[in-house]
Amino acid sequence: SSVWASLFQIEHTTTVYSLLLKNHTQVNVGYSCIGIGMYALIIAVGISFPDKTLKSRLAFIAGMLSFVYVLNSWRIFLIARFWDDNVRFTFNLDHHDVFNYVCYVIIGIAFYAWQRPSAYVSTAHGTV
């Protein structure tokens, strides 16, 4: 998340578990914020699909882990930048849940695209 603050030239301070943007909110990153469940899901899906080569599995796992990591760091930066304790919603909005739902949809779409057979199937009689 500090990379995003640096890219946007926002003064910030970080520790192992927190991000503080100057004149903005401090975000403390707990275990539930890291996205371990998402990472475990990606690895489990990547390993368990039977019809893929090792290279394809590793590419899927590495790509999806990187994507979720970037998305999560972007979420933490946006919370630090725009969160206002004075704003109250009429409904309970938990950014962890929103992040998880978005990630589940992205992982599902990526998995579908990855496991889908190609349009052309090679047979003994040629390409169909």
Protein backbone atom coordinates (compact mmCIF):
# COMPACT_ATOMS: atom_id res chain seq x y z
CA SER A 1 0.00 0.00 0.00
CA SER A 2 2.91 2.33 0.61
CA VAL A 3 3.84 1.89 -3.06
CA TRP A 4 0.50 3.46 -4.04
CA ALA A 5 1.09 6.35 -1.63
CA SER A 6 4.52 6.90 -3.17
CA LEU A 7 3.10 6.77 -6.70
CA PHE A 8 0.57 9.45 -5.78
CA GLN A 9 3.27 11.42 -3.93
CA ILE A 10 1.47 11.30 -0.58
CA GLU A 11 3.64 11.50 2.51
CA HIS A 12 3.21 8.36 4.55
CA THR A 13 4.61 6.26 7.35
CA THR A 14 4.46 2.50 7.50
CA THR A 15 5.15 -0.19 10.05
CA VAL A 16 4.82 -3.92 9.65
CA TYR A 17 1.09 -3.73 10.50
CA SER A 18 -0.05 -0.20 9.62
CA LEU A 19 -0.16 2.53 7.00
CA LEU A 20 -0.51 6.20 7.97
CA LEU A 21 -1.02 8.79 5.27
CA LYS A 22 -0.22 12.37 6.29
CA ASN A 23 -3.46 14.25 7.10
CA HIS A 24 -5.49 11.08 6.55
CA THR A 25 -6.57 7.94 8.37
CA GLN A 26 -4.22 5.31 9.75
CA VAL A 27 -5.06 1.78 8.68
CA ASN A 28 -4.01 -1.10 10.90
CA VAL A 29 -3.72 -4.28 8.89
CA GLY A 30 -4.81 -7.34 10.81
CA TYR A 31 -4.68 -10.99 9.88
CA SER A 32 -8.13 -10.82 8.27
CA CYS A 33 -6.97 -7.99 5.96
CA ILE A 34 -4.16 -9.93 4.32
CA GLY A 35 -6.38 -12.17 2.19
CA ILE A 36 -5.02 -15.55 3.26
CA GLY A 37 -8.36 -17.19 2.43
CA MET A 38 -8.21 -15.86 -1.14
CA TYR A 39 -4.64 -17.06 -1.56
CA ALA A 40 -5.56 -20.52 -0.26
CA LEU A 41 -8.53 -20.70 -2.66
CA ILE A 42 -6.37 -19.74 -5.65
CA ILE A 43 -3.70 -22.31 -4.78
CA ALA A 44 -6.28 -25.04 -4.14
CA VAL A 45 -8.05 -24.38 -7.44
CA GLY A 46 -4.76 -24.18 -9.34
CA ILE A 47 -3.44 -27.44 -7.92
CA SER A 48 -6.64 -29.47 -8.06
CA PHE A 49 -7.68 -29.01 -11.68
CA PRO A 50 -6.68 -32.27 -13.39
CA ASP A 51 -6.33 -31.39 -17.08
CA LYS A 52 -3.63 -28.71 -16.89
CA THR A 53 0.13 -28.87 -17.22
CA LEU A 54 2.42 -27.86 -14.39
CA LYS A 55 3.46 -24.75 -16.31
CA SER A 56 -0.17 -23.74 -16.82
CA ARG A 57 -0.99 -24.33 -13.15
CA LEU A 58 1.98 -22.30 -11.94
CA ALA A 59 1.14 -19.46 -14.34
CA PHE A 60 -2.48 -19.40 -13.14
CA ILE A 61 -1.48 -19.47 -9.46
CA ALA A 62 1.25 -16.81 -9.83
CA GLY A 63 -0.93 -14.53 -11.93
CA MET A 64 -3.94 -14.74 -9.66
CA LEU A 65 -1.90 -14.38 -6.44
CA SER A 66 -0.25 -11.28 -7.89
CA PHE A 67 -3.59 -9.84 -9.00
CA VAL A 68 -5.23 -10.36 -5.59
CA TYR A 69 -2.16 -8.92 -3.83
CA VAL A 70 -2.28 -5.75 -5.95
CA LEU A 71 -6.06 -5.46 -5.52
CA ASN A 72 -5.73 -5.87 -1.74
CA SER A 73 -2.94 -3.30 -1.43
CA TRP A 74 -5.02 -0.89 -3.53
CA ARG A 75 -7.99 -1.46 -1.19
CA ILE A 76 -5.89 -0.72 1.90
CA PHE A 77 -4.49 2.45 0.30
CA LEU A 78 -7.99 3.65 -0.68
CA ILE A 79 -9.28 3.06 2.85
CA ALA A 80 -6.38 5.06 4.30
CA ARG A 81 -6.91 7.84 1.77
CA PHE A 82 -10.70 8.20 1.77
CA TRP A 83 -12.09 6.73 5.00
CA ASP A 84 -13.98 9.24 7.11
CA ASP A 85 -15.10 8.21 10.61
CA ASN A 86 -17.82 10.87 10.53
CA VAL A 87 -19.64 9.27 7.59
CA ARG A 88 -22.31 6.79 8.63
CA PHE A 89 -24.06 4.42 6.28
CA THR A 90 -27.67 3.42 6.68
CA PHE A 91 -26.51 -0.16 6.20
CA ASN A 92 -23.55 -2.05 7.56
CA LEU A 93 -20.79 -1.90 4.93
CA ASP A 94 -17.82 -4.14 5.69
CA HIS A 95 -14.96 -3.59 3.26
CA HIS A 96 -13.62 -7.09 4.00
CA ASP A 97 -16.84 -8.63 2.72
CA VAL A 98 -16.95 -6.39 -0.35
CA PHE A 99 -13.33 -7.28 -1.13
CA ASN A 100 -14.02 -11.00 -0.68
CA TYR A 101 -17.10 -10.95 -2.94
CA VAL A 102 -15.25 -9.06 -5.67
CA CYS A 103 -12.32 -11.48 -5.43
CA TYR A 104 -14.59 -14.54 -5.54
CA VAL A 105 -16.23 -13.27 -8.72
CA ILE A 106 -12.86 -12.46 -10.34
CA ILE A 107 -11.40 -15.83 -9.32
CA GLY A 108 -14.50 -17.60 -10.66
CA ILE A 109 -14.30 -15.80 -14.02
CA ALA A 110 -10.55 -16.39 -14.27
CA PHE A 111 -10.97 -20.07 -13.41
CA TYR A 112 -13.73 -20.46 -16.00
CA ALA A 113 -11.58 -18.80 -18.67
CA TRP A 114 -8.54 -20.89 -17.68
CA GLN A 115 -10.24 -24.30 -17.62
CA ARG A 116 -12.46 -23.73 -20.66
CA PRO A 117 -11.42 -25.89 -23.59
CA SER A 118 -10.03 -24.04 -26.56
CA ALA A 119 -12.28 -23.45 -29.56
CA TYR A 120 -10.14 -25.74 -31.70
CA VAL A 121 -9.68 -29.34 -30.66
CA SER A 122 -6.97 -31.37 -32.30
CA THR A 123 -8.06 -34.90 -33.28
CA ALA A 124 -6.53 -37.75 -35.24
CA HIS A 125 -8.46 -36.49 -38.29
CA GLY A 126 -7.32 -32.88 -38.02
CA THR A 127 -8.44 -29.75 -36.23
CA VAL A 128 -12.16 -29.52 -35.48
